[in-house]
Amino acid sequence: MANLLKYVGVAFKGACMGAADVIPGVSGGTIAFLMGIYQELLDSIKSVNGEAFKLLFKGKIAEFWKHINGNFLASLFVGILVSVFSLARLMKYLLEFHPIPLWSFFFGLILASAIYILKGLDKWSIQNIVSLLIGVGIAAFICVASPAQTPDALWFIFLSGAIAICAMILPGISGSFILLLLGKYAFVMTAVTELNIPVLAVFAVGCAVGIVSFSHFLSWLLKKFYMLTIALLSGFMLGSLLKVWPWKVPGASEGFDYPALPAQFEQVTGLESQLGTSIAFAVLGLAIVLVIEFVAAKGEKK
């Protein structure tokens, strides 16, 4: 009974992580840290290694399950999946019928997350500043130079899953943020709500491959080049604000949308800019992230 209650609790924490990962700018890693399971999550992911696969291929299922802390991971991911499937329909509805307030909310979330990550820099050395600017430049280039629609081919869905899942183990950066940067957020949310099994299966395989392949590399990167990595991640988030800018107008080339001022947006599209509502939702996004990170910081000190 005690074990059952324990894993029900883990599933609830997974549901909280899933809710965070559906919303760009709120990090599932931060929620895991806040819930007190971050280290166990990281250790469990790292345990999916060569030794684990040897046990699996030898048919030692019980030893394999114990080696990877299977009960913990299964409970956690059940909670994450329940939360993602529950919220995906809401996100799809808001993207379709209330895009400007939603993108404003995302803008506030991502801006606050970038500010929080930057606070982790203990000094503004030339190397850190260069890393920050490189991150801003790369993300901005991807947002402006890439088409509004990226490929829907299964290979790109696989790649998107492999890259996005790595954000789960990085407090401060979310998988949904990565999907936004890759132009696949709305596509994946639609696949979830419509139960598009081929797309979801390929995305899930990409996630599995990505987290197993990159978790060790990301841990090593953060251990060896922590400040440079933090600066680069912050730059990515700041540069990606172009992607979530609420007001966009069609560019000269078909398939390209470009950021515009609210007045220009109204003039070109004939639609209302909803400026007041947008500011309110952006401030709400900022506040949510800052409160979460404040509580997490208090927990870390304790």
C-alpha atoms as a PDB file:
ATOM      1  CA  MET A   1       0.000   0.000   0.000  1.00  0.00           C
ATOM      2  CA  ALA A   2       2.822   2.361   0.885  1.00  0.00           C
ATOM      3  CA  ASN A   3       4.535   1.686  -2.450  1.00  0.00           C
ATOM      4  CA  LEU A   4       1.262   2.227  -4.326  1.00  0.00           C
ATOM      5  CA  LEU A   5       0.730   5.604  -2.656  1.00  0.00           C
ATOM      6  CA  LYS A   6       4.348   6.512  -3.387  1.00  0.00           C
ATOM      7  CA  TYR A   7       3.969   5.897  -7.117  1.00  0.00           C
ATOM      8  CA  VAL A   8       0.565   7.595  -7.241  1.00  0.00           C
ATOM      9  CA  GLY A   9       2.425  10.601  -5.824  1.00  0.00           C
ATOM     10  CA  VAL A  10       5.100  10.246  -8.505  1.00  0.00           C
ATOM     11  CA  ALA A  11       2.371  10.118 -11.181  1.00  0.00           C
ATOM     12  CA  PHE A  12       0.874  13.338  -9.779  1.00  0.00           C
ATOM     13  CA  LYS A  13       4.297  14.995  -9.973  1.00  0.00           C
ATOM     14  CA  GLY A  14       4.572  13.730 -13.545  1.00  0.00           C
ATOM     15  CA  ALA A  15       1.203  15.328 -14.319  1.00  0.00           C
ATOM     16  CA  CYS A  16       2.553  18.650 -13.028  1.00  0.00           C
ATOM     17  CA  MET A  17       5.631  18.228 -15.247  1.00  0.00           C
ATOM     18  CA  GLY A  18       3.409  17.378 -18.220  1.00  0.00           C
ATOM     19  CA  ALA A  19       1.340  20.505 -17.689  1.00  0.00           C
ATOM     20  CA  ALA A  20       4.533  22.551 -17.623  1.00  0.00           C
ATOM     21  CA  ASP A  21       5.923  20.901 -20.756  1.00  0.00           C
ATOM     22  CA  VAL A  22       2.771  21.697 -22.741  1.00  0.00           C
ATOM     23  CA  ILE A  23       3.347  25.409 -22.049  1.00  0.00           C
ATOM     24  CA  PRO A  24       6.435  26.967 -23.706  1.00  0.00           C
ATOM     25  CA  GLY A  25       8.609  28.788 -21.196  1.00  0.00           C
ATOM     26  CA  VAL A  26       7.675  26.697 -18.166  1.00  0.00           C
ATOM     27  CA  SER A  27      10.272  24.003 -17.632  1.00  0.00           C
ATOM     28  CA  GLY A  28       9.329  20.471 -16.686  1.00  0.00           C
ATOM     29  CA  GLY A  29      12.830  20.220 -15.237  1.00  0.00           C
ATOM     30  CA  THR A  30      12.116  23.109 -12.880  1.00  0.00           C
ATOM     31  CA  ILE A  31       8.864  21.463 -11.762  1.00  0.00           C
ATOM     32  CA  ALA A  32      10.753  18.192 -11.166  1.00  0.00           C
ATOM     33  CA  PHE A  33      13.265  20.110  -9.046  1.00  0.00           C
ATOM     34  CA  LEU A  34      10.473  21.876  -7.158  1.00  0.00           C
ATOM     35  CA  MET A  35       8.739  18.526  -6.512  1.00  0.00           C
ATOM     36  CA  GLY A  36      11.961  16.999  -5.182  1.00  0.00           C
ATOM     37  CA  ILE A  37      12.400  14.351  -7.907  1.00  0.00           C
ATOM     38  CA  TYR A  38      14.900  16.047 -10.225  1.00  0.00           C
ATOM     39  CA  GLN A  39      17.983  14.096  -9.111  1.00  0.00           C
ATOM     40  CA  GLU A  40      16.137  10.775  -9.144  1.00  0.00           C
ATOM     41  CA  LEU A  41      14.826  11.563 -12.637  1.00  0.00           C
ATOM     42  CA  LEU A  42      18.301  12.413 -13.902  1.00  0.00           C
ATOM     43  CA  ASP A  43      19.861   9.296 -12.310  1.00  0.00           C
ATOM     44  CA  SER A  44      17.079   7.085 -13.693  1.00  0.00           C
ATOM     45  CA  ILE A  45      17.527   8.434 -17.225  1.00  0.00           C
ATOM     46  CA  LYS A  46      21.292   7.921 -17.006  1.00  0.00           C
ATOM     47  CA  SER A  47      20.734   4.317 -15.902  1.00  0.00           C
ATOM     48  CA  VAL A  48      19.281   3.500 -19.341  1.00  0.00           C
ATOM     49  CA  ASN A  49      22.764   2.573 -20.584  1.00  0.00           C
ATOM     50  CA  GLY A  50      24.707  -0.281 -22.092  1.00  0.00           C
ATOM     51  CA  GLU A  51      24.440  -2.380 -18.952  1.00  0.00           C
ATOM     52  CA  ALA A  52      20.642  -1.965 -18.955  1.00  0.00           C
ATOM     53  CA  PHE A  53      20.368  -3.110 -22.568  1.00  0.00           C
ATOM     54  CA  LYS A  54      22.581  -6.132 -21.851  1.00  0.00           C
ATOM     55  CA  LEU A  55      20.154  -7.194 -19.121  1.00  0.00           C
ATOM     56  CA  LEU A  56      17.218  -6.652 -21.477  1.00  0.00           C
ATOM     57  CA  PHE A  57      18.727  -8.647 -24.351  1.00  0.00           C
ATOM     58  CA  LYS A  58      19.570 -11.491 -21.957  1.00  0.00           C
ATOM     59  CA  GLY A  59      15.901 -11.675 -20.981  1.00  0.00           C
ATOM     60  CA  LYS A  60      16.541 -10.514 -17.420  1.00  0.00           C
ATOM     61  CA  ILE A  61      13.478  -8.295 -17.414  1.00  0.00           C
ATOM     62  CA  ALA A  62      13.182  -7.957 -13.623  1.00  0.00           C
ATOM     63  CA  GLU A  63      16.856  -6.936 -13.276  1.00  0.00           C
ATOM     64  CA  PHE A  64      16.521  -4.528 -16.204  1.00  0.00           C
ATOM     65  CA  TRP A  65      13.402  -2.932 -14.679  1.00  0.00           C
ATOM     66  CA  LYS A  66      15.115  -2.518 -11.312  1.00  0.00           C
ATOM     67  CA  HIS A  67      18.303  -1.178 -12.918  1.00  0.00           C
ATOM     68  CA  ILE A  68      16.473   1.655 -14.698  1.00  0.00           C
ATOM     69  CA  ASN A  69      14.200   2.398 -11.692  1.00  0.00           C
ATOM     70  CA  GLY A  70      11.292   1.315 -13.883  1.00  0.00           C
ATOM     71  CA  ASN A  71       8.467   1.820 -11.368  1.00  0.00           C
ATOM     72  CA  PHE A  72       9.501   5.441 -10.876  1.00  0.00           C
ATOM     73  CA  LEU A  73       9.905   6.177 -14.591  1.00  0.00           C
ATOM     74  CA  ALA A  74       6.673   4.412 -15.571  1.00  0.00           C
ATOM     75  CA  SER A  75       4.643   6.242 -12.909  1.00  0.00           C
ATOM     76  CA  LEU A  76       6.190   9.565 -13.870  1.00  0.00           C
ATOM     77  CA  PHE A  77       5.580   9.176 -17.603  1.00  0.00           C
ATOM     78  CA  VAL A  78       1.990   7.981 -17.089  1.00  0.00           C
ATOM     79  CA  GLY A  79       1.360  11.226 -15.201  1.00  0.00           C
ATOM     80  CA  ILE A  80       3.080  13.262 -17.922  1.00  0.00           C
ATOM     81  CA  LEU A  81       1.049  11.607 -20.698  1.00  0.00           C
ATOM     82  CA  VAL A  82      -2.276  12.068 -18.905  1.00  0.00           C
ATOM     83  CA  SER A  83      -1.529  15.757 -18.422  1.00  0.00           C
ATOM     84  CA  VAL A  84      -0.309  16.310 -21.992  1.00  0.00           C
ATOM     85  CA  PHE A  85      -3.357  14.623 -23.534  1.00  0.00           C
ATOM     86  CA  SER A  86      -5.670  16.577 -21.233  1.00  0.00           C
ATOM     87  CA  LEU A  87      -4.206  19.989 -22.061  1.00  0.00           C
ATOM     88  CA  ALA A  88      -3.386  19.533 -25.754  1.00  0.00           C
ATOM     89  CA  ARG A  89      -7.013  20.068 -26.816  1.00  0.00           C
ATOM     90  CA  LEU A  90      -7.134  23.353 -24.873  1.00  0.00           C
ATOM     91  CA  MET A  91      -3.898  24.547 -26.488  1.00  0.00           C
ATOM     92  CA  LYS A  92      -5.206  23.668 -29.965  1.00  0.00           C
ATOM     93  CA  TYR A  93      -8.429  25.595 -29.309  1.00  0.00           C
ATOM     94  CA  LEU A  94      -6.567  28.674 -28.052  1.00  0.00           C
ATOM     95  CA  LEU A  95      -4.126  28.598 -30.970  1.00  0.00           C
ATOM     96  CA  GLU A  96      -7.040  28.536 -33.405  1.00  0.00           C
ATOM     97  CA  PHE A  97      -9.453  30.999 -31.797  1.00  0.00           C
ATOM     98  CA  HIS A  98      -7.360  33.202 -29.455  1.00  0.00           C
ATOM     99  CA  PRO A  99      -3.851  33.221 -30.958  1.00  0.00           C
ATOM    100  CA  ILE A 100      -2.777  36.759 -29.994  1.00  0.00           C
ATOM    101  CA  PRO A 101      -3.448  36.480 -26.227  1.00  0.00           C
ATOM    102  CA  LEU A 102      -1.929  32.979 -26.217  1.00  0.00           C
ATOM    103  CA  TRP A 103       1.253  34.060 -28.022  1.00  0.00           C
ATOM    104  CA  SER A 104       1.465  37.044 -25.642  1.00  0.00           C
ATOM    105  CA  PHE A 105       1.241  34.652 -22.704  1.00  0.00           C
ATOM    106  CA  PHE A 106       4.002  32.488 -24.225  1.00  0.00           C
ATOM    107  CA  PHE A 107       6.094  35.638 -24.814  1.00  0.00           C
ATOM    108  CA  GLY A 108       5.922  36.518 -21.113  1.00  0.00           C
ATOM    109  CA  LEU A 109       6.706  32.951 -20.075  1.00  0.00           C
ATOM    110  CA  ILE A 110       9.796  32.666 -22.273  1.00  0.00           C
ATOM    111  CA  LEU A 111      11.080  36.151 -21.416  1.00  0.00           C
ATOM    112  CA  ALA A 112      10.821  35.399 -17.690  1.00  0.00           C
ATOM    113  CA  SER A 113      12.553  32.019 -18.173  1.00  0.00           C
ATOM    114  CA  ALA A 114      15.428  33.676 -20.046  1.00  0.00           C
ATOM    115  CA  ILE A 115      15.819  36.271 -17.280  1.00  0.00           C
ATOM    116  CA  TYR A 116      15.841  33.519 -14.666  1.00  0.00           C
ATOM    117  CA  ILE A 117      18.507  31.525 -16.508  1.00  0.00           C
ATOM    118  CA  LEU A 118      20.658  34.644 -16.918  1.00  0.00           C
ATOM    119  CA  LYS A 119      20.613  35.084 -13.141  1.00  0.00           C
ATOM    120  CA  GLY A 120      22.637  31.877 -12.993  1.00  0.00           C
ATOM    121  CA  LEU A 121      25.630  33.637 -14.561  1.00  0.00           C
ATOM    122  CA  ASP A 122      28.043  34.526 -11.769  1.00  0.00           C
ATOM    123  CA  LYS A 123      30.044  36.879 -13.959  1.00  0.00           C
ATOM    124  CA  TRP A 124      29.696  38.611 -17.313  1.00  0.00           C
ATOM    125  CA  SER A 125      32.952  37.522 -18.922  1.00  0.00           C
ATOM    126  CA  ILE A 126      33.658  38.094 -22.616  1.00  0.00           C
ATOM    127  CA  GLN A 127      33.218  34.367 -23.271  1.00  0.00           C
ATOM    128  CA  ASN A 128      29.786  34.332 -21.607  1.00  0.00           C
ATOM    129  CA  ILE A 129      28.649  37.440 -23.486  1.00  0.00           C
ATOM    130  CA  VAL A 130      29.827  35.965 -26.809  1.00  0.00           C
ATOM    131  CA  SER A 131      28.003  32.700 -26.017  1.00  0.00           C
ATOM    132  CA  LEU A 132      24.836  34.666 -25.191  1.00  0.00           C
ATOM    133  CA  LEU A 133      25.028  36.658 -28.437  1.00  0.00           C
ATOM    134  CA  ILE A 134      25.656  33.500 -30.465  1.00  0.00           C
ATOM    135  CA  GLY A 135      22.532  31.952 -28.934  1.00  0.00           C
ATOM    136  CA  VAL A 136      20.463  35.072 -29.698  1.00  0.00           C
ATOM    137  CA  GLY A 137      21.796  35.185 -33.273  1.00  0.00           C
ATOM    138  CA  ILE A 138      21.158  31.509 -34.029  1.00  0.00           C
ATOM    139  CA  ALA A 139      17.626  31.539 -32.612  1.00  0.00           C
ATOM    140  CA  ALA A 140      16.725  34.826 -34.305  1.00  0.00           C
ATOM    141  CA  PHE A 141      18.066  33.552 -37.636  1.00  0.00           C
ATOM    142  CA  ILE A 142      16.018  30.356 -37.321  1.00  0.00           C
ATOM    143  CA  CYS A 143      12.888  32.369 -36.476  1.00  0.00           C
ATOM    144  CA  VAL A 144      13.227  34.935 -39.271  1.00  0.00           C
ATOM    145  CA  ALA A 145      14.956  32.985 -42.035  1.00  0.00           C
ATOM    146  CA  SER A 146      13.009  29.741 -41.722  1.00  0.00           C
ATOM    147  CA  PRO A 147       9.507  29.372 -43.172  1.00  0.00           C
ATOM    148  CA  ALA A 148       6.462  29.593 -40.953  1.00  0.00           C
ATOM    149  CA  GLN A 149       5.861  25.894 -41.693  1.00  0.00           C
ATOM    150  CA  THR A 150       8.661  23.357 -41.277  1.00  0.00           C
ATOM    151  CA  PRO A 151       8.470  19.864 -42.845  1.00  0.00           C
ATOM    152  CA  ASP A 152       5.763  17.507 -41.606  1.00  0.00           C
ATOM    153  CA  ALA A 153       7.791  14.527 -42.794  1.00  0.00           C
ATOM    154  CA  LEU A 154       8.278  11.767 -40.233  1.00  0.00           C
ATOM    155  CA  TRP A 155      12.062  12.214 -40.189  1.00  0.00           C
ATOM    156  CA  PHE A 156      11.601  15.811 -39.017  1.00  0.00           C
ATOM    157  CA  ILE A 157       9.044  14.722 -36.392  1.00  0.00           C
ATOM    158  CA  PHE A 158      11.588  12.185 -35.123  1.00  0.00           C
ATOM    159  CA  LEU A 159      14.282  14.879 -34.982  1.00  0.00           C
ATOM    160  CA  SER A 160      11.928  17.305 -33.221  1.00  0.00           C
ATOM    161  CA  GLY A 161      11.148  14.724 -30.546  1.00  0.00           C
ATOM    162  CA  ALA A 162      14.811  13.864 -30.053  1.00  0.00           C
ATOM    163  CA  ILE A 163      15.762  17.512 -29.537  1.00  0.00           C
ATOM    164  CA  ALA A 164      12.704  18.625 -27.550  1.00  0.00           C
ATOM    165  CA  ILE A 165      12.885  15.836 -24.959  1.00  0.00           C
ATOM    166  CA  CYS A 166      16.355  16.960 -23.883  1.00  0.00           C
ATOM    167  CA  ALA A 167      14.786  20.111 -22.469  1.00  0.00           C
ATOM    168  CA  MET A 168      13.080  17.973 -19.824  1.00  0.00           C
ATOM    169  CA  ILE A 169      16.356  17.546 -17.956  1.00  0.00           C
ATOM    170  CA  LEU A 170      17.295  21.222 -18.171  1.00  0.00           C
ATOM    171  CA  PRO A 171      15.663  23.405 -15.501  1.00  0.00           C
ATOM    172  CA  GLY A 172      14.663  26.701 -17.106  1.00  0.00           C
ATOM    173  CA  ILE A 173      14.026  25.511 -20.674  1.00  0.00           C
ATOM    174  CA  SER A 174      10.968  23.583 -21.862  1.00  0.00           C
ATOM    175  CA  GLY A 175      10.354  21.002 -24.552  1.00  0.00           C
ATOM    176  CA  SER A 176       7.455  23.027 -25.919  1.00  0.00           C
ATOM    177  CA  PHE A 177       9.824  25.952 -26.361  1.00  0.00           C
ATOM    178  CA  ILE A 178      12.035  23.754 -28.562  1.00  0.00           C
ATOM    179  CA  LEU A 179       8.990  22.642 -30.567  1.00  0.00           C
ATOM    180  CA  LEU A 180       8.028  26.285 -31.072  1.00  0.00           C
ATOM    181  CA  LEU A 181      11.520  27.067 -32.315  1.00  0.00           C
ATOM    182  CA  LEU A 182      11.295  24.139 -34.737  1.00  0.00           C
ATOM    183  CA  GLY A 183       7.819  25.202 -35.882  1.00  0.00           C
ATOM    184  CA  LYS A 184       6.219  21.952 -34.712  1.00  0.00           C
ATOM    185  CA  TYR A 185       4.322  22.981 -31.552  1.00  0.00           C
ATOM    186  CA  ALA A 186       0.867  23.344 -33.142  1.00  0.00           C
ATOM    187  CA  PHE A 187       1.460  20.247 -35.302  1.00  0.00           C
ATOM    188  CA  VAL A 188       2.290  18.027 -32.314  1.00  0.00           C
ATOM    189  CA  MET A 189      -0.610  19.415 -30.247  1.00  0.00           C
ATOM    190  CA  THR A 190      -2.950  18.608 -33.149  1.00  0.00           C
ATOM    191  CA  ALA A 191      -1.506  15.098 -33.436  1.00  0.00           C
ATOM    192  CA  VAL A 192      -2.158  14.561 -29.721  1.00  0.00           C
ATOM    193  CA  THR A 193      -5.772  15.771 -29.863  1.00  0.00           C
ATOM    194  CA  GLU A 194      -6.526  13.782 -33.025  1.00  0.00           C
ATOM    195  CA  LEU A 195      -4.641  10.687 -31.813  1.00  0.00           C
ATOM    196  CA  ASN A 196      -2.524  10.596 -34.973  1.00  0.00           C
ATOM    197  CA  ILE A 197      -0.790   7.349 -34.035  1.00  0.00           C
ATOM    198  CA  PRO A 198       1.945   7.291 -36.765  1.00  0.00           C
ATOM    199  CA  VAL A 199       3.059  10.832 -35.892  1.00  0.00           C
ATOM    200  CA  LEU A 200       2.874  10.225 -32.132  1.00  0.00           C
ATOM    201  CA  ALA A 201       4.756   6.923 -32.432  1.00  0.00           C
ATOM    202  CA  VAL A 202       7.593   8.490 -34.445  1.00  0.00           C
ATOM    203  CA  PHE A 203       7.708  11.471 -32.061  1.00  0.00           C
ATOM    204  CA  ALA A 204       7.835   9.100 -29.046  1.00  0.00           C
ATOM    205  CA  VAL A 205      10.682   7.075 -30.598  1.00  0.00           C
ATOM    206  CA  GLY A 206      12.549  10.333 -31.249  1.00  0.00           C
ATOM    207  CA  CYS A 207      12.030  11.315 -27.616  1.00  0.00           C
ATOM    208  CA  ALA A 208      13.327   7.955 -26.396  1.00  0.00           C
ATOM    209  CA  VAL A 209      16.401   8.058 -28.623  1.00  0.00           C
ATOM    210  CA  GLY A 210      17.068  11.699 -27.784  1.00  0.00           C
ATOM    211  CA  ILE A 211      16.888  11.415 -24.018  1.00  0.00           C
ATOM    212  CA  VAL A 212      19.023   8.261 -23.897  1.00  0.00           C
ATOM    213  CA  SER A 213      21.588   9.603 -26.369  1.00  0.00           C
ATOM    214  CA  PHE A 214      21.887  13.179 -25.159  1.00  0.00           C
ATOM    215  CA  SER A 215      21.299  13.026 -21.394  1.00  0.00           C
ATOM    216  CA  HIS A 216      24.912  12.052 -20.685  1.00  0.00           C
ATOM    217  CA  PHE A 217      26.227  14.644 -23.136  1.00  0.00           C
ATOM    218  CA  LEU A 218      24.090  17.419 -21.660  1.00  0.00           C
ATOM    219  CA  SER A 219      25.136  16.491 -18.134  1.00  0.00           C
ATOM    220  CA  TRP A 220      28.780  16.556 -19.213  1.00  0.00           C
ATOM    221  CA  LEU A 221      28.299  19.885 -20.986  1.00  0.00           C
ATOM    222  CA  LEU A 222      26.714  21.486 -17.933  1.00  0.00           C
ATOM    223  CA  LYS A 223      29.429  20.066 -15.694  1.00  0.00           C
ATOM    224  CA  LYS A 224      32.389  21.160 -17.849  1.00  0.00           C
ATOM    225  CA  PHE A 225      31.071  24.367 -19.457  1.00  0.00           C
ATOM    226  CA  TYR A 226      28.238  25.395 -17.160  1.00  0.00           C
ATOM    227  CA  MET A 227      28.397  29.183 -17.602  1.00  0.00           C
ATOM    228  CA  LEU A 228      28.895  29.063 -21.377  1.00  0.00           C
ATOM    229  CA  THR A 229      25.997  26.611 -21.712  1.00  0.00           C
ATOM    230  CA  ILE A 230      23.713  28.719 -19.520  1.00  0.00           C
ATOM    231  CA  ALA A 231      24.572  31.837 -21.540  1.00  0.00           C
ATOM    232  CA  LEU A 232      23.915  30.002 -24.819  1.00  0.00           C
ATOM    233  CA  LEU A 233      20.549  28.681 -23.599  1.00  0.00           C
ATOM    234  CA  SER A 234      19.550  32.168 -22.461  1.00  0.00           C
ATOM    235  CA  GLY A 235      20.485  33.499 -25.876  1.00  0.00           C
ATOM    236  CA  PHE A 236      18.353  30.855 -27.571  1.00  0.00           C
ATOM    237  CA  MET A 237      15.366  31.886 -25.482  1.00  0.00           C
ATOM    238  CA  LEU A 238      15.832  35.621 -26.049  1.00  0.00           C
ATOM    239  CA  GLY A 239      16.286  35.132 -29.796  1.00  0.00           C
ATOM    240  CA  SER A 240      13.228  32.899 -29.970  1.00  0.00           C
ATOM    241  CA  LEU A 241      10.991  35.726 -28.745  1.00  0.00           C
ATOM    242  CA  LEU A 242      10.677  36.610 -32.426  1.00  0.00           C
ATOM    243  CA  LYS A 243       8.927  33.273 -32.925  1.00  0.00           C
ATOM    244  CA  VAL A 244       6.269  33.946 -30.286  1.00  0.00           C
ATOM    245  CA  TRP A 245       5.783  37.654 -31.050  1.00  0.00           C
ATOM    246  CA  PRO A 246       1.967  37.983 -31.080  1.00  0.00           C
ATOM    247  CA  TRP A 247       1.652  40.175 -34.178  1.00  0.00           C
ATOM    248  CA  LYS A 248       2.918  38.817 -37.486  1.00  0.00           C
ATOM    249  CA  VAL A 249       2.247  39.828 -41.078  1.00  0.00           C
ATOM    250  CA  PRO A 250       2.835  37.814 -44.267  1.00  0.00           C
ATOM    251  CA  GLY A 251       6.224  38.429 -45.881  1.00  0.00           C
ATOM    252  CA  ALA A 252       7.057  38.830 -49.558  1.00  0.00           C
ATOM    253  CA  SER A 253       7.740  35.098 -49.878  1.00  0.00           C
ATOM    254  CA  GLU A 254       4.881  32.648 -49.459  1.00  0.00           C
ATOM    255  CA  GLY A 255       5.032  30.760 -46.165  1.00  0.00           C
ATOM    256  CA  PHE A 256       7.037  33.432 -44.341  1.00  0.00           C
ATOM    257  CA  ASP A 257       5.567  35.573 -41.572  1.00  0.00           C
ATOM    258  CA  TYR A 258       7.401  38.484 -39.996  1.00  0.00           C
ATOM    259  CA  PRO A 259       6.987  40.328 -36.666  1.00  0.00           C
ATOM    260  CA  ALA A 260       5.119  43.631 -36.855  1.00  0.00           C
ATOM    261  CA  LEU A 261       4.050  46.403 -34.511  1.00  0.00           C
ATOM    262  CA  PRO A 262       0.430  46.203 -33.347  1.00  0.00           C
ATOM    263  CA  ALA A 263      -0.602  49.199 -35.485  1.00  0.00           C
ATOM    264  CA  GLN A 264       1.054  47.712 -38.579  1.00  0.00           C
ATOM    265  CA  PHE A 265      -0.630  44.381 -37.862  1.00  0.00           C
ATOM    266  CA  GLU A 266      -4.050  46.064 -37.786  1.00  0.00           C
ATOM    267  CA  GLN A 267      -3.301  47.982 -40.989  1.00  0.00           C
ATOM    268  CA  VAL A 268      -2.100  44.957 -42.970  1.00  0.00           C
ATOM    269  CA  THR A 269      -4.481  42.284 -41.684  1.00  0.00           C
ATOM    270  CA  GLY A 270      -7.535  44.349 -40.790  1.00  0.00           C
ATOM    271  CA  LEU A 271      -7.717  42.495 -37.469  1.00  0.00           C
ATOM    272  CA  GLU A 272      -7.750  44.000 -33.989  1.00  0.00           C
ATOM    273  CA  SER A 273      -4.359  43.919 -32.235  1.00  0.00           C
ATOM    274  CA  GLN A 274      -5.885  43.301 -28.762  1.00  0.00           C
ATOM    275  CA  LEU A 275      -2.993  45.277 -27.307  1.00  0.00           C
ATOM    276  CA  GLY A 276      -4.382  45.676 -23.775  1.00  0.00           C
ATOM    277  CA  THR A 277      -5.304  41.997 -23.486  1.00  0.00           C
ATOM    278  CA  SER A 278      -1.916  40.994 -24.891  1.00  0.00           C
ATOM    279  CA  ILE A 279      -0.010  43.057 -22.333  1.00  0.00           C
ATOM    280  CA  ALA A 280      -2.106  41.563 -19.515  1.00  0.00           C
ATOM    281  CA  PHE A 281      -1.405  37.991 -20.669  1.00  0.00           C
ATOM    282  CA  ALA A 282       2.316  38.700 -21.141  1.00  0.00           C
ATOM    283  CA  VAL A 283       2.518  40.049 -17.577  1.00  0.00           C
ATOM    284  CA  LEU A 284       0.630  36.974 -16.352  1.00  0.00           C
ATOM    285  CA  GLY A 285       3.183  34.726 -18.084  1.00  0.00           C
ATOM    286  CA  LEU A 286       6.060  36.646 -16.526  1.00  0.00           C
ATOM    287  CA  ALA A 287       4.493  36.403 -13.079  1.00  0.00           C
ATOM    288  CA  ILE A 288       3.826  32.655 -13.275  1.00  0.00           C
ATOM    289  CA  VAL A 289       7.426  31.785 -14.149  1.00  0.00           C
ATOM    290  CA  LEU A 290       8.920  34.179 -11.596  1.00  0.00           C
ATOM    291  CA  VAL A 291       6.710  32.746  -8.831  1.00  0.00           C
ATOM    292  CA  ILE A 292       7.610  29.150  -9.777  1.00  0.00           C
ATOM    293  CA  GLU A 293      11.327  29.945  -9.895  1.00  0.00           C
ATOM    294  CA  PHE A 294      11.136  31.893  -6.613  1.00  0.00           C
ATOM    295  CA  VAL A 295       9.511  28.946  -4.850  1.00  0.00           C
ATOM    296  CA  ALA A 296      12.053  26.564  -6.416  1.00  0.00           C
ATOM    297  CA  ALA A 297      14.937  28.762  -5.216  1.00  0.00           C
ATOM    298  CA  LYS A 298      13.510  28.789  -1.687  1.00  0.00           C
ATOM    299  CA  GLY A 299      13.279  25.018  -1.799  1.00  0.00           C
ATOM    300  CA  GLU A 300      16.904  24.733  -2.959  1.00  0.00           C
ATOM    301  CA  LYS A 301      18.100  26.877  -0.053  1.00  0.00           C
ATOM    302  CA  LYS A 302      16.238  24.670   2.438  1.00  0.00           C
END
